[in-house]
All heavy atoms as atom14 arrays in JSON, in Angstrom:
{
  "sequence": "DMRYLRWTYLNEDYYKGVNNTWITDGGMDNIKREL",
  "atom14_mask": [
    [1, 1, 1, 1, 1, 1, 1, 1, 0, 0, 0, 0, 0, 0],
    [1, 1, 1, 1, 1, 1, 1, 1, 0, 0, 0, 0, 0, 0],
    [1, 1, 1, 1, 1, 1, 1, 1, 1, 1, 1, 0, 0, 0],
    [1, 1, 1, 1, 1, 1, 1, 1, 1, 1, 1, 1, 0, 0],
    [1, 1, 1, 1, 1, 1, 1, 1, 0, 0, 0, 0, 0, 0],
    [1, 1, 1, 1, 1, 1, 1, 1, 1, 1, 1, 0, 0, 0],
    [1, 1, 1, 1, 1, 1, 1, 1, 1, 1, 1, 1, 1, 1],
    [1, 1, 1, 1, 1, 1, 1, 0, 0, 0, 0, 0, 0, 0],
    [1, 1, 1, 1, 1, 1, 1, 1, 1, 1, 1, 1, 0, 0],
    [1, 1, 1, 1, 1, 1, 1, 1, 0, 0, 0, 0, 0, 0],
    [1, 1, 1, 1, 1, 1, 1, 1, 0, 0, 0, 0, 0, 0],
    [1, 1, 1, 1, 1, 1, 1, 1, 1, 0, 0, 0, 0, 0],
    [1, 1, 1, 1, 1, 1, 1, 1, 0, 0, 0, 0, 0, 0],
    [1, 1, 1, 1, 1, 1, 1, 1, 1, 1, 1, 1, 0, 0],
    [1, 1, 1, 1, 1, 1, 1, 1, 1, 1, 1, 1, 0, 0],
    [1, 1, 1, 1, 1, 1, 1, 1, 1, 0, 0, 0, 0, 0],
    [1, 1, 1, 1, 0, 0, 0, 0, 0, 0, 0, 0, 0, 0],
    [1, 1, 1, 1, 1, 1, 1, 0, 0, 0, 0, 0, 0, 0],
    [1, 1, 1, 1, 1, 1, 1, 1, 0, 0, 0, 0, 0, 0],
    [1, 1, 1, 1, 1, 1, 1, 1, 0, 0, 0, 0, 0, 0],
    [1, 1, 1, 1, 1, 1, 1, 0, 0, 0, 0, 0, 0, 0],
    [1, 1, 1, 1, 1, 1, 1, 1, 1, 1, 1, 1, 1, 1],
    [1, 1, 1, 1, 1, 1, 1, 1, 0, 0, 0, 0, 0, 0],
    [1, 1, 1, 1, 1, 1, 1, 0, 0, 0, 0, 0, 0, 0],
    [1, 1, 1, 1, 1, 1, 1, 1, 0, 0, 0, 0, 0, 0],
    [1, 1, 1, 1, 0, 0, 0, 0, 0, 0, 0, 0, 0, 0],
    [1, 1, 1, 1, 0, 0, 0, 0, 0, 0, 0, 0, 0, 0],
    [1, 1, 1, 1, 1, 1, 1, 1, 0, 0, 0, 0, 0, 0],
    [1, 1, 1, 1, 1, 1, 1, 1, 0, 0, 0, 0, 0, 0],
    [1, 1, 1, 1, 1, 1, 1, 1, 0, 0, 0, 0, 0, 0],
    [1, 1, 1, 1, 1, 1, 1, 1, 0, 0, 0, 0, 0, 0],
    [1, 1, 1, 1, 1, 1, 1, 1, 1, 0, 0, 0, 0, 0],
    [1, 1, 1, 1, 1, 1, 1, 1, 1, 1, 1, 0, 0, 0],
    [1, 1, 1, 1, 1, 1, 1, 1, 1, 0, 0, 0, 0, 0],
    [1, 1, 1, 1, 1, 1, 1, 1, 0, 0, 0, 0, 0, 0]
  ],
  "atom14_positions": [
    [[96.28, 86.7, 109.24], [95.69, 87.19, 108.0], [96.58, 86.9, 106.79], [96.08, 86.5, 105.73], [95.44, 88.7, 108.11], [94.02, 89.02, 108.56], [93.5, 88.24, 109.38], [93.45, 90.03, 108.1], [0.0, 0.0, 0.0], [0.0, 0.0, 0.0], [0.0, 0.0, 0.0], [0.0, 0.0, 0.0], [0.0, 0.0, 0.0], [0.0, 0.0, 0.0]],
    [[97.87, 87.12, 106.94], [98.76, 86.88, 105.81], [98.8, 85.41, 105.43], [98.88, 85.07, 104.24], [100.16, 87.41, 106.11], [100.25, 88.93, 105.99], [101.93, 89.58, 106.04], [102.21, 89.65, 107.8], [0.0, 0.0, 0.0], [0.0, 0.0, 0.0], [0.0, 0.0, 0.0], [0.0, 0.0, 0.0], [0.0, 0.0, 0.0], [0.0, 0.0, 0.0]],
    [[98.72, 84.53, 106.4], [98.69, 83.1, 106.07], [97.37, 82.73, 105.42], [97.35, 81.97, 104.44], [98.96, 82.24, 107.31], [99.02, 80.75, 106.98], [99.62, 79.92, 108.07], [101.02, 80.16, 108.3], [102.0, 79.74, 107.5], [101.72, 79.07, 106.4], [103.25, 80.0, 107.79], [0.0, 0.0, 0.0], [0.0, 0.0, 0.0], [0.0, 0.0, 0.0]],
    [[96.28, 83.25, 105.91], [94.97, 82.93, 105.34], [94.84, 83.48, 103.92], [94.3, 82.82, 103.01], [93.86, 83.49, 106.23], [92.48, 83.13, 105.76], [92.03, 81.81, 105.76], [91.6, 84.13, 105.31], [90.75, 81.48, 105.32], [90.31, 83.8, 104.88], [89.89, 82.48, 104.89], [88.63, 82.16, 104.46], [0.0, 0.0, 0.0], [0.0, 0.0, 0.0]],
    [[95.36, 84.7, 103.72], [95.24, 85.35, 102.41], [96.41, 85.02, 101.48], [96.39, 85.41, 100.31], [95.13, 86.87, 102.59], [93.95, 87.34, 103.44], [94.02, 88.84, 103.66], [92.63, 86.96, 102.78], [0.0, 0.0, 0.0], [0.0, 0.0, 0.0], [0.0, 0.0, 0.0], [0.0, 0.0, 0.0], [0.0, 0.0, 0.0], [0.0, 0.0, 0.0]],
    [[97.44, 84.37, 102.0], [98.57, 83.85, 101.22], [99.45, 84.98, 100.67], [99.79, 85.03, 99.48], [98.07, 82.94, 100.11], [97.06, 81.9, 100.63], [96.71, 80.87, 99.6], [95.6, 80.03, 100.03], [95.65, 79.04, 100.91], [96.8, 78.77, 101.5], [94.59, 78.31, 101.21], [0.0, 0.0, 0.0], [0.0, 0.0, 0.0], [0.0, 0.0, 0.0]],
    [[99.83, 85.88, 101.58], [100.62, 87.05, 101.19], [102.03, 86.68, 100.79], [102.69, 85.85, 101.42], [100.63, 88.09, 102.32], [99.48, 89.03, 102.2], [98.15, 88.7, 102.14], [99.54, 90.45, 102.11], [97.39, 89.83, 102.01], [98.2, 90.92, 101.99], [100.58, 91.36, 102.13], [97.89, 92.28, 101.89], [100.28, 92.72, 102.03], [98.95, 93.16, 101.9]],
    [[102.52, 87.4, 99.76], [103.86, 87.17, 99.23], [104.83, 88.29, 99.56], [106.01, 88.05, 99.81], [103.8, 86.99, 97.7], [103.28, 85.68, 97.42], [105.15, 87.12, 97.05], [0.0, 0.0, 0.0], [0.0, 0.0, 0.0], [0.0, 0.0, 0.0], [0.0, 0.0, 0.0], [0.0, 0.0, 0.0], [0.0, 0.0, 0.0], [0.0, 0.0, 0.0]],
    [[104.37, 89.54, 99.56], [105.3, 90.65, 99.78], [104.61, 91.78, 100.54], [103.38, 91.87, 100.58], [105.87, 91.16, 98.45], [104.85, 91.77, 97.52], [104.41, 93.08, 97.7], [104.35, 91.06, 96.44], [103.49, 93.66, 96.85], [103.41, 91.63, 95.58], [102.99, 92.92, 95.79], [102.07, 93.5, 94.95], [0.0, 0.0, 0.0], [0.0, 0.0, 0.0]],
    [[105.43, 92.67, 101.14], [104.92, 93.77, 101.95], [105.93, 94.91, 101.96], [107.14, 94.68, 101.95], [104.69, 93.28, 103.4], [103.93, 94.22, 104.35], [102.46, 94.3, 103.94], [104.02, 93.7, 105.77], [0.0, 0.0, 0.0], [0.0, 0.0, 0.0], [0.0, 0.0, 0.0], [0.0, 0.0, 0.0], [0.0, 0.0, 0.0], [0.0, 0.0, 0.0]],
    [[105.42, 96.14, 101.98], [106.26, 97.33, 102.03], [107.0, 97.41, 103.36], [106.39, 97.4, 104.42], [105.38, 98.57, 101.84], [106.18, 99.84, 101.61], [107.38, 99.88, 101.84], [105.5, 100.87, 101.17], [0.0, 0.0, 0.0], [0.0, 0.0, 0.0], [0.0, 0.0, 0.0], [0.0, 0.0, 0.0], [0.0, 0.0, 0.0], [0.0, 0.0, 0.0]],
    [[108.33, 97.51, 103.29], [109.13, 97.64, 104.5], [109.05, 99.06, 105.07], [109.19, 99.27, 106.28], [110.59, 97.3, 104.2], [111.49, 97.37, 105.43], [112.94, 97.1, 105.11], [113.6, 97.98, 104.53], [113.41, 96.0, 105.45], [0.0, 0.0, 0.0], [0.0, 0.0, 0.0], [0.0, 0.0, 0.0], [0.0, 0.0, 0.0], [0.0, 0.0, 0.0]],
    [[108.79, 100.05, 104.22], [108.91, 101.44, 104.62], [107.6, 102.09, 105.08], [107.63, 103.15, 105.71], [109.47, 102.25, 103.44], [110.84, 101.75, 103.01], [111.69, 101.58, 103.89], [111.04, 101.51, 101.81], [0.0, 0.0, 0.0], [0.0, 0.0, 0.0], [0.0, 0.0, 0.0], [0.0, 0.0, 0.0], [0.0, 0.0, 0.0], [0.0, 0.0, 0.0]],
    [[106.47, 101.46, 104.76], [105.19, 102.1, 105.07], [104.15, 101.02, 105.35], [104.09, 100.01, 104.65], [104.74, 102.94, 103.87], [103.58, 103.85, 104.16], [103.77, 105.1, 104.74], [102.28, 103.47, 103.83], [102.69, 105.95, 105.0], [101.2, 104.31, 104.09], [101.41, 105.54, 104.67], [100.36, 106.38, 104.92], [0.0, 0.0, 0.0], [0.0, 0.0, 0.0]],
    [[103.38, 101.13, 106.41], [103.32, 102.24, 107.34], [104.07, 101.82, 108.6], [103.73, 100.8, 109.21], [101.85, 102.59, 107.62], [101.58, 103.5, 108.76], [102.0, 104.82, 108.75], [100.93, 103.03, 109.89], [101.74, 105.66, 109.82], [100.67, 103.87, 110.96], [101.08, 105.19, 110.93], [100.83, 106.01, 111.98], [0.0, 0.0, 0.0], [0.0, 0.0, 0.0]],
    [[105.09, 102.61, 109.01], [105.95, 102.22, 110.12], [105.18, 102.08, 111.43], [105.55, 101.29, 112.29], [107.08, 103.25, 110.29], [108.13, 103.21, 109.21], [108.98, 101.95, 109.26], [110.17, 102.01, 108.32], [110.97, 100.77, 108.36], [0.0, 0.0, 0.0], [0.0, 0.0, 0.0], [0.0, 0.0, 0.0], [0.0, 0.0, 0.0], [0.0, 0.0, 0.0]],
    [[104.11, 102.86, 111.58], [103.34, 102.78, 112.81], [102.77, 101.39, 113.06], [102.61, 100.96, 114.21], [0.0, 0.0, 0.0], [0.0, 0.0, 0.0], [0.0, 0.0, 0.0], [0.0, 0.0, 0.0], [0.0, 0.0, 0.0], [0.0, 0.0, 0.0], [0.0, 0.0, 0.0], [0.0, 0.0, 0.0], [0.0, 0.0, 0.0], [0.0, 0.0, 0.0]],
    [[102.45, 100.67, 111.98], [101.99, 99.29, 112.11], [103.16, 98.32, 112.11], [103.28, 97.44, 112.98], [101.01, 98.94, 110.97], [100.65, 97.45, 111.0], [99.74, 99.78, 111.08], [0.0, 0.0, 0.0], [0.0, 0.0, 0.0], [0.0, 0.0, 0.0], [0.0, 0.0, 0.0], [0.0, 0.0, 0.0], [0.0, 0.0, 0.0], [0.0, 0.0, 0.0]],
    [[104.06, 98.49, 111.15], [105.2, 97.56, 111.05], [106.03, 97.53, 112.32], [106.5, 96.46, 112.75], [106.08, 97.95, 109.87], [105.4, 97.77, 108.53], [104.19, 97.51, 108.47], [106.14, 97.9, 107.44], [0.0, 0.0, 0.0], [0.0, 0.0, 0.0], [0.0, 0.0, 0.0], [0.0, 0.0, 0.0], [0.0, 0.0, 0.0], [0.0, 0.0, 0.0]],
    [[106.21, 98.69, 112.95], [107.02, 98.73, 114.17], [106.34, 98.01, 115.33], [107.02, 97.55, 116.27], [107.32, 100.18, 114.56], [108.32, 100.83, 113.62], [109.0, 100.15, 112.85], [108.42, 102.15, 113.67], [0.0, 0.0, 0.0], [0.0, 0.0, 0.0], [0.0, 0.0, 0.0], [0.0, 0.0, 0.0], [0.0, 0.0, 0.0], [0.0, 0.0, 0.0]],
    [[105.01, 97.92, 115.29], [104.3, 97.16, 116.32], [104.75, 95.7, 116.32], [104.88, 95.07, 117.37], [102.78, 97.23, 116.07], [102.35, 98.58, 116.16], [102.0, 96.4, 117.09], [0.0, 0.0, 0.0], [0.0, 0.0, 0.0], [0.0, 0.0, 0.0], [0.0, 0.0, 0.0], [0.0, 0.0, 0.0], [0.0, 0.0, 0.0], [0.0, 0.0, 0.0]],
    [[105.02, 95.18, 115.13], [105.43, 93.78, 115.02], [106.84, 93.57, 115.54], [107.16, 92.47, 116.03], [105.33, 93.32, 113.57], [103.98, 93.57, 112.95], [102.79, 93.76, 113.62], [103.67, 93.68, 111.57], [101.77, 93.97, 112.74], [102.27, 93.93, 111.46], [104.42, 93.58, 110.4], [101.64, 94.08, 110.24], [103.78, 93.73, 109.18], [102.4, 93.98, 109.11]],
    [[107.66, 94.6, 115.45], [109.0, 94.51, 116.05], [108.88, 94.51, 117.57], [109.49, 93.68, 118.26], [109.88, 95.7, 115.58], [110.07, 95.65, 114.06], [111.23, 95.67, 116.29], [110.79, 96.87, 113.5], [0.0, 0.0, 0.0], [0.0, 0.0, 0.0], [0.0, 0.0, 0.0], [0.0, 0.0, 0.0], [0.0, 0.0, 0.0], [0.0, 0.0, 0.0]],
    [[108.06, 95.41, 118.08], [107.89, 95.54, 119.53], [107.32, 94.27, 120.15], [107.77, 93.84, 121.22], [106.97, 96.73, 119.86], [107.53, 97.92, 119.29], [106.82, 96.9, 121.36], [0.0, 0.0, 0.0], [0.0, 0.0, 0.0], [0.0, 0.0, 0.0], [0.0, 0.0, 0.0], [0.0, 0.0, 0.0], [0.0, 0.0, 0.0], [0.0, 0.0, 0.0]],
    [[106.33, 93.66, 119.5], [105.7, 92.48, 120.11], [106.39, 91.17, 119.76], [105.94, 90.09, 120.14], [104.2, 92.43, 119.81], [103.87, 92.1, 118.35], [104.73, 91.58, 117.63], [102.71, 92.35, 117.95], [0.0, 0.0, 0.0], [0.0, 0.0, 0.0], [0.0, 0.0, 0.0], [0.0, 0.0, 0.0], [0.0, 0.0, 0.0], [0.0, 0.0, 0.0]],
    [[107.51, 91.26, 119.02], [108.34, 90.07, 118.81], [107.97, 89.2, 117.63], [108.55, 88.11, 117.46], [0.0, 0.0, 0.0], [0.0, 0.0, 0.0], [0.0, 0.0, 0.0], [0.0, 0.0, 0.0], [0.0, 0.0, 0.0], [0.0, 0.0, 0.0], [0.0, 0.0, 0.0], [0.0, 0.0, 0.0], [0.0, 0.0, 0.0], [0.0, 0.0, 0.0]],
    [[107.06, 89.64, 116.77], [106.64, 88.79, 115.66], [107.28, 89.08, 114.32], [107.08, 88.34, 113.36], [0.0, 0.0, 0.0], [0.0, 0.0, 0.0], [0.0, 0.0, 0.0], [0.0, 0.0, 0.0], [0.0, 0.0, 0.0], [0.0, 0.0, 0.0], [0.0, 0.0, 0.0], [0.0, 0.0, 0.0], [0.0, 0.0, 0.0], [0.0, 0.0, 0.0]],
    [[108.08, 90.16, 114.25], [108.6, 90.58, 112.95], [109.5, 89.53, 112.3], [109.43, 89.29, 111.08], [109.35, 91.9, 113.08], [109.95, 92.4, 111.78], [108.71, 92.67, 110.47], [108.26, 94.37, 110.8], [0.0, 0.0, 0.0], [0.0, 0.0, 0.0], [0.0, 0.0, 0.0], [0.0, 0.0, 0.0], [0.0, 0.0, 0.0], [0.0, 0.0, 0.0]],
    [[110.35, 88.88, 113.08], [111.27, 87.9, 112.49], [110.51, 86.77, 111.81], [110.89, 86.3, 110.73], [112.2, 87.33, 113.55], [113.35, 88.26, 113.89], [113.47, 89.32, 113.23], [114.12, 87.96, 114.81], [0.0, 0.0, 0.0], [0.0, 0.0, 0.0], [0.0, 0.0, 0.0], [0.0, 0.0, 0.0], [0.0, 0.0, 0.0], [0.0, 0.0, 0.0]],
    [[109.44, 86.33, 112.43], [108.67, 85.25, 111.82], [107.99, 85.71, 110.54], [107.91, 84.95, 109.56], [107.61, 84.71, 112.79], [107.19, 83.31, 112.44], [108.02, 82.4, 112.33], [105.9, 83.11, 112.23], [0.0, 0.0, 0.0], [0.0, 0.0, 0.0], [0.0, 0.0, 0.0], [0.0, 0.0, 0.0], [0.0, 0.0, 0.0], [0.0, 0.0, 0.0]],
    [[107.52, 86.95, 110.51], [106.93, 87.49, 109.29], [107.98, 87.57, 108.19], [107.7, 87.22, 107.03], [106.3, 88.88, 109.56], [105.07, 88.72, 110.48], [105.9, 89.57, 108.27], [104.49, 90.03, 110.96], [0.0, 0.0, 0.0], [0.0, 0.0, 0.0], [0.0, 0.0, 0.0], [0.0, 0.0, 0.0], [0.0, 0.0, 0.0], [0.0, 0.0, 0.0]],
    [[109.18, 88.01, 108.53], [110.26, 88.06, 107.54], [110.57, 86.68, 106.97], [110.83, 86.53, 105.78], [111.53, 88.66, 108.16], [111.46, 90.15, 108.41], [112.77, 90.65, 109.0], [112.74, 92.16, 109.2], [114.02, 92.68, 109.76], [0.0, 0.0, 0.0], [0.0, 0.0, 0.0], [0.0, 0.0, 0.0], [0.0, 0.0, 0.0], [0.0, 0.0, 0.0]],
    [[110.53, 85.67, 107.84], [110.81, 84.31, 107.39], [109.73, 83.77, 106.46], [110.02, 83.1, 105.47], [110.96, 83.37, 108.58], [112.34, 83.3, 109.2], [112.43, 82.18, 110.22], [111.66, 82.51, 111.42], [112.18, 83.1, 112.51], [113.46, 83.41, 112.53], [111.43, 83.36, 113.55], [0.0, 0.0, 0.0], [0.0, 0.0, 0.0], [0.0, 0.0, 0.0]],
    [[108.47, 84.06, 106.78], [107.38, 83.31, 106.15], [106.58, 84.07, 105.1], [105.7, 83.49, 104.46], [106.45, 82.76, 107.24], [107.17, 81.79, 108.16], [106.28, 81.11, 109.17], [105.05, 81.36, 109.16], [106.79, 80.33, 109.98], [0.0, 0.0, 0.0], [0.0, 0.0, 0.0], [0.0, 0.0, 0.0], [0.0, 0.0, 0.0], [0.0, 0.0, 0.0]],
    [[106.86, 85.36, 104.9], [106.22, 86.07, 103.79], [106.57, 85.35, 102.49], [107.74, 85.09, 102.2], [106.73, 87.5, 103.72], [105.82, 88.61, 104.25], [106.55, 89.95, 104.2], [104.5, 88.69, 103.49], [0.0, 0.0, 0.0], [0.0, 0.0, 0.0], [0.0, 0.0, 0.0], [0.0, 0.0, 0.0], [0.0, 0.0, 0.0], [0.0, 0.0, 0.0]]
  ]
}
């Protein structure tokens, strides 16, 4: 979705329930790189 919608920035602090899912499933580093 972020690539399709061309996202530039995202809140690190909210909502942790979603953001932490990306840490658990291993995708967070790539999101950090490509935002």
